[in-house]
Amino acid sequence: MDTLTAITQRRSVKHFDTGHQMTEAEIDQLMAAALLSPTAFNIRNWRFVLVSDTELRRRIRAAAWDQAPVTDALLLIVLCADLKAWATTPAPWTAFLTPWPN
């Protein structure tokens, strides 16, 4: 699928087949693809947390304005970001801060 088609045909799924199961290999493939997502300056300031514990998912749902997909979806992936990673990661953009040689 090309990018324009993906953008124009995207949708948000709110109802899930509770009988559907994913294999560990499918989850690994999904996470490997997620880890390839681009970030500004390739900082990769995110972490993906797979949440499978039922009680923890219930508590996350309560904090997420009681959104049913938090507990109903087969797989819950919480995306966490380090908002200050740009300050602690070796700065790949520093080359752009030095004046261009004459």
N, C-alpha and C. Protein backbone atom coordinates (compact mmCIF):
# COMPACT_ATOMS: atom_id res chain seq x y z
N MET A 1 0.85 -1.17 0.00
CA MET A 1 0.00 0.00 0.00
C MET A 1 0.90 1.23 0.00
N ASP A 2 0.58 2.19 -0.88
CA ASP A 2 1.39 3.40 -0.92
C ASP A 2 0.94 4.37 0.18
N THR A 3 1.74 5.37 0.42
CA THR A 3 1.50 6.30 1.53
C THR A 3 0.16 7.02 1.40
N LEU A 4 -0.15 7.54 0.22
CA LEU A 4 -1.40 8.29 0.03
C LEU A 4 -2.61 7.39 0.31
N THR A 5 -2.57 6.17 -0.17
CA THR A 5 -3.67 5.23 0.10
C THR A 5 -3.78 4.95 1.59
N ALA A 6 -2.67 4.75 2.24
CA ALA A 6 -2.68 4.49 3.69
C ALA A 6 -3.29 5.66 4.44
N ILE A 7 -2.97 6.87 4.03
CA ILE A 7 -3.51 8.06 4.71
C ILE A 7 -5.00 8.22 4.45
N THR A 8 -5.41 8.07 3.20
CA THR A 8 -6.82 8.31 2.86
C THR A 8 -7.74 7.18 3.29
N GLN A 9 -7.21 5.99 3.51
CA GLN A 9 -8.06 4.87 3.89
C GLN A 9 -7.88 4.44 5.34
N ARG A 10 -7.20 5.25 6.12
CA ARG A 10 -6.96 4.89 7.52
C ARG A 10 -8.28 4.92 8.29
N ARG A 11 -8.31 4.21 9.38
CA ARG A 11 -9.49 4.19 10.22
C ARG A 11 -9.08 3.84 11.64
N SER A 12 -9.94 4.16 12.54
CA SER A 12 -9.69 3.86 13.94
C SER A 12 -10.63 2.73 14.36
N VAL A 13 -10.07 1.62 14.77
CA VAL A 13 -10.89 0.47 15.16
C VAL A 13 -11.24 0.61 16.63
N LYS A 14 -12.53 0.52 16.93
CA LYS A 14 -12.99 0.67 18.32
C LYS A 14 -13.60 -0.62 18.87
N HIS A 15 -13.84 -1.60 18.00
CA HIS A 15 -14.43 -2.86 18.44
C HIS A 15 -13.49 -3.98 18.02
N PHE A 16 -13.30 -4.94 18.90
CA PHE A 16 -12.31 -5.97 18.67
C PHE A 16 -12.92 -7.36 18.75
N ASP A 17 -12.37 -8.27 17.97
CA ASP A 17 -12.75 -9.68 18.02
C ASP A 17 -12.04 -10.28 19.23
N THR A 18 -12.80 -10.51 20.28
CA THR A 18 -12.19 -10.99 21.52
C THR A 18 -11.66 -12.42 21.39
N GLY A 19 -12.07 -13.12 20.34
CA GLY A 19 -11.57 -14.47 20.13
C GLY A 19 -10.28 -14.53 19.34
N HIS A 20 -9.87 -13.39 18.78
CA HIS A 20 -8.66 -13.36 17.96
C HIS A 20 -7.43 -13.49 18.85
N GLN A 21 -6.47 -14.26 18.39
CA GLN A 21 -5.21 -14.42 19.11
C GLN A 21 -4.06 -14.09 18.18
N MET A 22 -3.01 -13.55 18.73
CA MET A 22 -1.78 -13.29 17.98
C MET A 22 -0.71 -14.23 18.51
N THR A 23 0.11 -14.71 17.61
CA THR A 23 1.23 -15.55 18.03
C THR A 23 2.35 -14.65 18.55
N GLU A 24 3.25 -15.23 19.30
CA GLU A 24 4.43 -14.48 19.76
C GLU A 24 5.22 -13.95 18.57
N ALA A 25 5.28 -14.75 17.50
CA ALA A 25 6.01 -14.33 16.30
C ALA A 25 5.36 -13.09 15.68
N GLU A 26 4.02 -13.04 15.66
CA GLU A 26 3.32 -11.87 15.11
C GLU A 26 3.56 -10.63 15.98
N ILE A 27 3.53 -10.82 17.29
CA ILE A 27 3.79 -9.70 18.20
C ILE A 27 5.23 -9.22 18.03
N ASP A 28 6.16 -10.14 17.94
CA ASP A 28 7.57 -9.78 17.73
C ASP A 28 7.74 -9.01 16.43
N GLN A 29 7.07 -9.45 15.37
CA GLN A 29 7.15 -8.77 14.07
C GLN A 29 6.58 -7.36 14.17
N LEU A 30 5.44 -7.22 14.86
CA LEU A 30 4.82 -5.91 15.04
C LEU A 30 5.74 -4.97 15.82
N MET A 31 6.34 -5.48 16.89
CA MET A 31 7.23 -4.65 17.70
C MET A 31 8.50 -4.29 16.95
N ALA A 32 9.02 -5.22 16.16
CA ALA A 32 10.22 -4.94 15.36
C ALA A 32 9.92 -3.82 14.37
N ALA A 33 8.73 -3.84 13.77
CA ALA A 33 8.35 -2.78 12.83
C ALA A 33 8.20 -1.45 13.58
N ALA A 34 7.61 -1.48 14.77
CA ALA A 34 7.44 -0.26 15.55
C ALA A 34 8.79 0.35 15.91
N LEU A 35 9.76 -0.49 16.22
CA LEU A 35 11.09 0.01 16.58
C LEU A 35 11.81 0.66 15.41
N LEU A 36 11.34 0.41 14.20
CA LEU A 36 11.93 1.03 13.01
C LEU A 36 11.33 2.40 12.71
N SER A 37 10.31 2.81 13.49
CA SER A 37 9.69 4.11 13.23
C SER A 37 10.71 5.22 13.35
N PRO A 38 10.61 6.20 12.45
CA PRO A 38 11.57 7.29 12.50
C PRO A 38 11.30 8.26 13.65
N THR A 39 12.35 8.90 14.11
CA THR A 39 12.23 9.97 15.09
C THR A 39 13.12 11.12 14.63
N ALA A 40 12.82 12.30 15.11
CA ALA A 40 13.63 13.46 14.75
C ALA A 40 15.07 13.21 15.17
N PHE A 41 15.99 13.44 14.25
CA PHE A 41 17.42 13.24 14.48
C PHE A 41 17.76 11.83 14.95
N ASN A 42 16.82 10.90 14.73
CA ASN A 42 17.02 9.50 15.10
C ASN A 42 17.32 9.34 16.60
N ILE A 43 16.72 10.20 17.42
CA ILE A 43 16.93 10.15 18.87
C ILE A 43 16.33 8.88 19.48
N ARG A 44 15.22 8.43 18.92
CA ARG A 44 14.52 7.23 19.42
C ARG A 44 14.26 7.35 20.92
N ASN A 45 13.56 8.41 21.25
CA ASN A 45 13.31 8.74 22.65
C ASN A 45 12.05 8.08 23.21
N TRP A 46 11.64 6.98 22.61
CA TRP A 46 10.44 6.29 23.07
C TRP A 46 10.76 4.88 23.52
N ARG A 47 9.81 4.36 24.28
CA ARG A 47 9.86 2.96 24.70
C ARG A 47 8.45 2.41 24.53
N PHE A 48 8.36 1.18 24.08
CA PHE A 48 7.08 0.52 23.94
C PHE A 48 6.94 -0.47 25.09
N VAL A 49 5.82 -0.39 25.80
CA VAL A 49 5.58 -1.28 26.92
C VAL A 49 4.34 -2.11 26.60
N LEU A 50 4.49 -3.42 26.50
CA LEU A 50 3.37 -4.31 26.27
C LEU A 50 2.77 -4.66 27.63
N VAL A 51 1.48 -4.39 27.77
CA VAL A 51 0.80 -4.62 29.05
C VAL A 51 -0.17 -5.79 28.88
N SER A 52 0.07 -6.87 29.61
CA SER A 52 -0.80 -8.03 29.51
C SER A 52 -1.55 -8.32 30.81
N ASP A 53 -1.07 -7.77 31.91
CA ASP A 53 -1.70 -8.01 33.21
C ASP A 53 -3.10 -7.39 33.24
N THR A 54 -4.11 -8.22 33.53
CA THR A 54 -5.50 -7.78 33.50
C THR A 54 -5.78 -6.66 34.49
N GLU A 55 -5.29 -6.78 35.70
CA GLU A 55 -5.52 -5.75 36.71
C GLU A 55 -4.86 -4.44 36.33
N LEU A 56 -3.66 -4.51 35.81
CA LEU A 56 -2.96 -3.30 35.39
C LEU A 56 -3.70 -2.63 34.23
N ARG A 57 -4.19 -3.43 33.29
CA ARG A 57 -4.96 -2.87 32.17
C ARG A 57 -6.24 -2.19 32.68
N ARG A 58 -6.87 -2.78 33.69
CA ARG A 58 -8.07 -2.17 34.28
C ARG A 58 -7.74 -0.81 34.89
N ARG A 59 -6.60 -0.73 35.57
CA ARG A 59 -6.18 0.53 36.18
C ARG A 59 -5.81 1.57 35.12
N ILE A 60 -5.16 1.12 34.06
CA ILE A 60 -4.83 2.04 32.96
C ILE A 60 -6.11 2.54 32.31
N ARG A 61 -7.10 1.65 32.15
CA ARG A 61 -8.38 2.06 31.56
C ARG A 61 -9.03 3.16 32.41
N ALA A 62 -8.99 3.01 33.72
CA ALA A 62 -9.56 4.04 34.60
C ALA A 62 -8.86 5.38 34.40
N ALA A 63 -7.56 5.34 34.20
CA ALA A 63 -6.79 6.58 33.98
C ALA A 63 -6.98 7.12 32.57
N ALA A 64 -7.48 6.29 31.66
CA ALA A 64 -7.65 6.68 30.25
C ALA A 64 -9.11 7.00 29.94
N TRP A 65 -9.78 7.62 30.90
CA TRP A 65 -11.17 8.04 30.72
C TRP A 65 -12.08 6.87 30.36
N ASP A 66 -11.81 5.72 30.95
CA ASP A 66 -12.63 4.52 30.80
C ASP A 66 -12.82 4.08 29.35
N GLN A 67 -11.78 4.20 28.56
CA GLN A 67 -11.87 3.78 27.16
C GLN A 67 -11.80 2.25 27.08
N ALA A 68 -12.84 1.65 26.55
CA ALA A 68 -12.96 0.19 26.49
C ALA A 68 -11.81 -0.50 25.75
N PRO A 69 -11.27 0.07 24.67
CA PRO A 69 -10.18 -0.64 23.98
C PRO A 69 -8.98 -0.95 24.87
N VAL A 70 -8.79 -0.20 25.94
CA VAL A 70 -7.65 -0.46 26.83
C VAL A 70 -7.72 -1.87 27.41
N THR A 71 -8.93 -2.32 27.72
CA THR A 71 -9.08 -3.67 28.27
C THR A 71 -9.58 -4.67 27.25
N ASP A 72 -10.25 -4.20 26.20
CA ASP A 72 -10.87 -5.12 25.23
C ASP A 72 -9.92 -5.58 24.13
N ALA A 73 -8.95 -4.77 23.77
CA ALA A 73 -8.03 -5.13 22.69
C ALA A 73 -7.14 -6.29 23.14
N LEU A 74 -6.77 -7.12 22.18
CA LEU A 74 -5.90 -8.26 22.46
C LEU A 74 -4.56 -7.82 23.03
N LEU A 75 -4.04 -6.73 22.49
CA LEU A 75 -2.70 -6.28 22.84
C LEU A 75 -2.75 -4.81 23.22
N LEU A 76 -2.22 -4.47 24.37
CA LEU A 76 -2.13 -3.07 24.78
C LEU A 76 -0.66 -2.68 24.78
N ILE A 77 -0.35 -1.69 23.96
CA ILE A 77 1.02 -1.18 23.89
C ILE A 77 0.98 0.26 24.38
N VAL A 78 1.70 0.53 25.44
CA VAL A 78 1.79 1.89 25.97
C VAL A 78 3.07 2.50 25.42
N LEU A 79 2.92 3.64 24.80
CA LEU A 79 4.07 4.34 24.24
C LEU A 79 4.54 5.39 25.24
N CYS A 80 5.79 5.28 25.67
CA CYS A 80 6.37 6.22 26.63
C CYS A 80 7.47 7.00 25.92
N ALA A 81 7.57 8.27 26.21
CA ALA A 81 8.59 9.10 25.56
C ALA A 81 9.38 9.87 26.61
N ASP A 82 10.67 9.99 26.36
CA ASP A 82 11.54 10.81 27.18
C ASP A 82 11.59 12.18 26.51
N LEU A 83 10.86 13.14 27.07
CA LEU A 83 10.75 14.46 26.46
C LEU A 83 12.03 15.28 26.55
N LYS A 84 12.98 14.82 27.34
CA LYS A 84 14.24 15.55 27.47
C LYS A 84 15.41 14.78 26.85
N ALA A 85 15.11 13.79 26.04
CA ALA A 85 16.17 12.99 25.43
C ALA A 85 17.09 13.84 24.57
N TRP A 86 16.56 14.87 23.96
CA TRP A 86 17.39 15.74 23.11
C TRP A 86 18.52 16.37 23.91
N ALA A 87 18.32 16.54 25.22
CA ALA A 87 19.33 17.20 26.05
C ALA A 87 20.40 16.22 26.54
N THR A 88 20.09 14.93 26.56
CA THR A 88 21.02 13.96 27.11
C THR A 88 21.64 13.04 26.05
N THR A 89 21.02 12.98 24.89
CA THR A 89 21.54 12.14 23.81
C THR A 89 22.66 12.89 23.11
N PRO A 90 23.74 12.22 22.72
CA PRO A 90 24.76 12.92 21.93
C PRO A 90 24.09 13.61 20.75
N ALA A 91 24.35 14.86 20.62
CA ALA A 91 23.61 15.70 19.68
C ALA A 91 24.07 15.53 18.24
N PRO A 92 23.32 14.79 17.43
CA PRO A 92 23.71 14.63 16.03
C PRO A 92 23.53 15.91 15.23
N TRP A 93 22.75 16.84 15.77
CA TRP A 93 22.49 18.08 15.04
C TRP A 93 23.54 19.16 15.31
N THR A 94 24.51 18.89 16.19
CA THR A 94 25.50 19.92 16.51
C THR A 94 26.31 20.33 15.28
N ALA A 95 26.43 19.44 14.33
CA ALA A 95 27.14 19.79 13.09
C ALA A 95 26.45 20.95 12.39
N PHE A 96 25.14 21.07 12.57
CA PHE A 96 24.39 22.14 11.92
C PHE A 96 24.56 23.47 12.65
N LEU A 97 25.08 23.44 13.87
CA LEU A 97 25.23 24.66 14.66
C LEU A 97 26.55 25.37 14.40
N THR A 98 27.50 24.67 13.81
CA THR A 98 28.79 25.30 13.54
C THR A 98 28.72 26.06 12.23
N PRO A 99 29.39 27.20 12.14
CA PRO A 99 29.34 28.00 10.91
C PRO A 99 29.92 27.22 9.74
N TRP A 100 29.37 27.45 8.58
CA TRP A 100 29.86 26.83 7.35
C TRP A 100 31.22 27.43 7.03
N PRO A 101 32.21 26.60 6.72
CA PRO A 101 33.54 27.15 6.42
C PRO A 101 33.51 27.99 5.14
N ASN A 102 34.31 29.06 5.14
CA ASN A 102 34.36 29.94 3.96
C ASN A 102 35.20 29.34 2.87
